[in-house]
Structures are given as C-alpha cells and as structure tokens.
C-alpha atoms as a PDB file:
ATOM      1  CA  MET A   1       0.203  -0.052   0.178  1.00  0.00           C
ATOM      2  CA  LEU A   2       2.843   2.402   0.451  1.00  0.00           C
ATOM      3  CA  TYR A   3       4.352   2.365  -2.789  1.00  0.00           C
ATOM      4  CA  GLY A   4       0.481   2.826  -4.520  1.00  0.00           C
ATOM      5  CA  ASP A   5       0.302   5.956  -2.444  1.00  0.00           C
ATOM      6  CA  ILE A   6       3.940   7.081  -3.123  1.00  0.00           C
ATOM      7  CA  PHE A   7       3.147   6.690  -6.614  1.00  0.00           C
ATOM      8  CA  SER A   8      -0.183   8.080  -6.663  1.00  0.00           C
ATOM      9  CA  ASN A   9       1.811  11.175  -4.679  1.00  0.00           C
ATOM     10  CA  VAL A  10       3.923  11.505  -7.718  1.00  0.00           C
ATOM     11  CA  ASN A  11       1.622  11.338 -10.723  1.00  0.00           C
ATOM     12  CA  ASN A  12      -0.403  14.190  -8.821  1.00  0.00           C
ATOM     13  CA  GLN A  13       3.059  16.174  -8.026  1.00  0.00           C
ATOM     14  CA  TYR A  14       3.620  15.630 -12.160  1.00  0.00           C
ATOM     15  CA  LYS A  15       0.145  16.398 -13.084  1.00  0.00           C
ATOM     16  CA  ASN A  16      -0.211  19.769 -11.325  1.00  0.00           C
ATOM     17  CA  ILE A  17       3.454  20.314 -12.764  1.00  0.00           C
ATOM     18  CA  PHE A  18       2.884  19.809 -16.402  1.00  0.00           C
ATOM     19  CA  GLU A  19      -1.201  20.365 -16.699  1.00  0.00           C
ATOM     20  CA  PRO A  20      -0.680  24.359 -17.459  1.00  0.00           C
ATOM     21  CA  TYR A  21       2.090  23.238 -20.074  1.00  0.00           C
ATOM     22  CA  SER A  22      -0.253  20.875 -21.495  1.00  0.00           C
ATOM     23  CA  LYS A  23      -3.494  23.469 -21.399  1.00  0.00           C
ATOM     24  CA  PHE A  24      -0.790  25.526 -23.215  1.00  0.00           C
ATOM     25  CA  ASN A  25       0.067  24.037 -25.671  1.00  0.00           C
ATOM     26  CA  SER A  26      -3.317  23.155 -26.559  1.00  0.00           C
ATOM     27  CA  LEU A  27      -4.066  26.203 -26.476  1.00  0.00           C
ATOM     28  CA  VAL A  28      -1.398  27.111 -29.100  1.00  0.00           C
ATOM     29  CA  ALA A  29      -2.460  24.832 -31.597  1.00  0.00           C
ATOM     30  CA  LYS A  30      -6.016  25.622 -31.267  1.00  0.00           C
ATOM     31  CA  ASN A  31      -4.917  29.352 -31.958  1.00  0.00           C
ATOM     32  CA  PHE A  32      -2.789  28.362 -34.562  1.00  0.00           C
ATOM     33  CA  ALA A  33      -5.553  25.641 -36.644  1.00  0.00           C
ATOM     34  CA  ASP A  34      -7.734  29.154 -36.017  1.00  0.00           C
ATOM     35  CA  LEU A  35      -4.969  31.254 -37.940  1.00  0.00           C
ATOM     36  CA  THR A  36      -4.242  28.585 -40.802  1.00  0.00           C
ATOM     37  CA  ASN A  37      -7.805  28.070 -41.746  1.00  0.00           C
ATOM     38  CA  LEU A  38      -8.349  32.004 -41.656  1.00  0.00           C
ATOM     39  CA  GLN A  39      -5.422  32.498 -43.923  1.00  0.00           C
ATOM     40  CA  LEU A  40      -6.283  29.717 -46.162  1.00  0.00           C
ATOM     41  CA  THR A  41      -9.853  31.221 -46.026  1.00  0.00           C
ATOM     42  CA  ALA A  42      -9.004  34.427 -47.149  1.00  0.00           C
ATOM     43  CA  ALA A  43      -6.121  33.284 -49.776  1.00  0.00           C
ATOM     44  CA  ARG A  44      -8.992  31.250 -51.453  1.00  0.00           C
ATOM     45  CA  HIS A  45     -11.174  34.320 -50.971  1.00  0.00           C
ATOM     46  CA  TYR A  46      -8.576  36.463 -52.499  1.00  0.00           C
ATOM     47  CA  ALA A  47      -7.523  33.981 -55.625  1.00  0.00           C
ATOM     48  CA  ASP A  48     -11.119  33.655 -56.475  1.00  0.00           C
ATOM     49  CA  ILE A  49     -11.216  37.671 -57.283  1.00  0.00           C
ATOM     50  CA  THR A  50      -8.127  37.368 -58.182  1.00  0.00           C
ATOM     51  CA  LEU A  51      -9.354  35.338 -61.039  1.00  0.00           C
ATOM     52  CA  SER A  52     -12.476  36.723 -61.547  1.00  0.00           C
ATOM     53  CA  GLN A  53     -10.853  40.221 -62.449  1.00  0.00           C
ATOM     54  CA  VAL A  54      -8.148  38.270 -65.059  1.00  0.00           C
ATOM     55  CA  PHE A  55     -11.129  36.549 -67.050  1.00  0.00           C
ATOM     56  CA  ALA A  56     -13.382  40.138 -67.064  1.00  0.00           C
ATOM     57  CA  ASN A  57     -10.370  41.408 -68.470  1.00  0.00           C
ATOM     58  CA  SER A  58      -9.913  38.892 -71.136  1.00  0.00           C
ATOM     59  CA  GLU A  59     -13.421  39.517 -72.390  1.00  0.00           C
ATOM     60  CA  VAL A  60     -12.559  42.603 -73.410  1.00  0.00           C
ATOM     61  CA  ARG A  61     -13.474  43.298 -76.713  1.00  0.00           C
ATOM     62  CA  ASP A  62     -14.447  47.107 -77.395  1.00  0.00           C
ATOM     63  CA  MET A  63     -14.960  50.715 -75.450  1.00  0.00           C
ATOM     64  CA  GLN A  64     -18.142  49.284 -73.982  1.00  0.00           C
ATOM     65  CA  SER A  65     -16.644  46.445 -72.819  1.00  0.00           C
ATOM     66  CA  MET A  66     -13.307  47.900 -71.818  1.00  0.00           C
ATOM     67  CA  ILE A  67     -15.886  50.802 -69.758  1.00  0.00           C
ATOM     68  CA  ASN A  68     -18.110  47.945 -68.304  1.00  0.00           C
ATOM     69  CA  CYS A  69     -14.954  45.949 -67.279  1.00  0.00           C
ATOM     70  CA  GLY A  70     -13.660  49.296 -65.282  1.00  0.00           C
ATOM     71  CA  THR A  71     -16.933  49.574 -63.518  1.00  0.00           C
ATOM     72  CA  LYS A  72     -17.015  46.248 -62.395  1.00  0.00           C
ATOM     73  CA  GLN A  73     -13.361  46.697 -60.955  1.00  0.00           C
ATOM     74  CA  LEU A  74     -14.365  49.490 -59.051  1.00  0.00           C
ATOM     75  CA  GLU A  75     -16.883  47.584 -57.478  1.00  0.00           C
ATOM     76  CA  THR A  76     -14.741  44.670 -56.776  1.00  0.00           C
ATOM     77  CA  MET A  77     -12.160  46.553 -55.394  1.00  0.00           C
ATOM     78  CA  THR A  78     -14.929  48.219 -53.075  1.00  0.00           C
ATOM     79  CA  LYS A  79     -15.451  44.399 -52.010  1.00  0.00           C
ATOM     80  CA  LEU A  80     -12.296  43.467 -52.070  1.00  0.00           C
ATOM     81  CA  SER A  81     -12.160  46.159 -49.180  1.00  0.00           C
ATOM     82  CA  GLN A  82     -14.421  45.399 -47.454  1.00  0.00           C
ATOM     83  CA  GLN A  83     -13.274  41.969 -47.235  1.00  0.00           C
ATOM     84  CA  MET A  84      -9.663  43.192 -45.914  1.00  0.00           C
ATOM     85  CA  ILE A  85     -11.388  44.829 -43.246  1.00  0.00           C
ATOM     86  CA  ASN A  86     -13.586  41.896 -42.224  1.00  0.00           C
ATOM     87  CA  ASP A  87     -10.174  39.336 -42.112  1.00  0.00           C
ATOM     88  CA  GLY A  88      -9.118  42.097 -39.794  1.00  0.00           C
ATOM     89  CA  GLN A  89     -11.374  42.424 -37.620  1.00  0.00           C
ATOM     90  CA  LYS A  90     -11.320  38.548 -37.467  1.00  0.00           C
ATOM     91  CA  LEU A  91      -7.734  38.549 -36.764  1.00  0.00           C
ATOM     92  CA  ALA A  92      -7.914  41.042 -34.099  1.00  0.00           C
ATOM     93  CA  SER A  93     -10.774  39.293 -32.573  1.00  0.00           C
ATOM     94  CA  LEU A  94      -8.664  35.414 -32.520  1.00  0.00           C
ATOM     95  CA  ALA A  95      -5.899  37.779 -30.584  1.00  0.00           C
ATOM     96  CA  THR A  96      -8.617  38.937 -28.306  1.00  0.00           C
ATOM     97  CA  GLU A  97      -9.758  35.872 -27.350  1.00  0.00           C
ATOM     98  CA  PHE A  98      -6.116  34.322 -27.392  1.00  0.00           C
ATOM     99  CA  LYS A  99      -5.330  36.750 -25.308  1.00  0.00           C
ATOM    100  CA  ALA A 100      -8.300  36.218 -22.920  1.00  0.00           C
ATOM    101  CA  GLU A 101      -7.947  32.367 -22.342  1.00  0.00           C
ATOM    102  CA  PHE A 102      -3.995  32.903 -21.878  1.00  0.00           C
ATOM    103  CA  ASP A 103      -5.079  35.227 -18.788  1.00  0.00           C
ATOM    104  CA  ASN A 104      -7.434  32.980 -17.496  1.00  0.00           C
ATOM    105  CA  LEU A 105      -5.075  30.112 -18.140  1.00  0.00           C
ATOM    106  CA  VAL A 106      -2.193  32.203 -16.635  1.00  0.00           C
ATOM    107  CA  SER A 107      -3.964  32.709 -13.663  1.00  0.00           C
ATOM    108  CA  GLU A 108      -5.482  29.732 -13.218  1.00  0.00           C
ATOM    109  CA  SER A 109      -1.604  28.366 -12.776  1.00  0.00           C
ATOM    110  CA  MET A 110      -0.456  30.692 -10.395  1.00  0.00           C
ATOM    111  CA  PRO A 111      -0.805  29.931  -7.353  1.00  0.00           C
ATOM    112  CA  LYS A 112      -2.948  31.190  -4.413  1.00  0.00           C
ATOM    113  CA  ALA A 113      -2.085  33.661  -2.147  1.00  0.00           C
ATOM    114  CA  LYS A 114      -3.073  32.028   1.598  1.00  0.00           C
END
C-alpha cells in the first residue's frame, strides 16, 4: 500500500506541474489552427477575386466592354476593401480571444495567496 501511495503522490505532483503546459500547448495549437484556417480562407477568396478579374479583363473586346470592365473593377475593389476589413476584424478577434484564454490559463496556474 505504501508504494501505491508514493506512486499516486508522484503522479499527482507531475500532473500539477505539467497540466498548465499541456493546456498552454492545446491553446497554442487551437490558435494556430484558427489562424491557418483564416489565412487559407482569405487566400482562397482573394485568389477567386483575382481570377474573376483576369477572366473579366480577357473579355474586353471594345470600348463599351472596357467601360463595363472598369466599373466592375471599381465594384471589386470596394468588395476587396471590405473583405480586408472583415479579415482584419476576424484576426483581431482571434488575438483577443487568445489573450483572454491565455490570461485565464495564467491566473489558474498561479499559486493562490493564502
């Protein structure tokens, strides 16, 4: 019974020591995955916009189609600007969420004052 208690105590001590690190690693991995997904989604969206512009430009055959293409490019730039603002807000939200979770993790891990 004595050895069982010793192993149990050691196991609990190691758990208390490594649990904050494990939680931190999980938090970083989640944040990394969220950032990667945000970047991949944004890259795909921007690539789609670029390709649509390339195809629209290839359809210019006369002055009227060039005017229409120019108008479409202005609309696209407006959409692109809004998309960049939205992506920036998503990034800021992820950063704020990470900081809040990290602060919570730190406060949980700190020894309590007696």
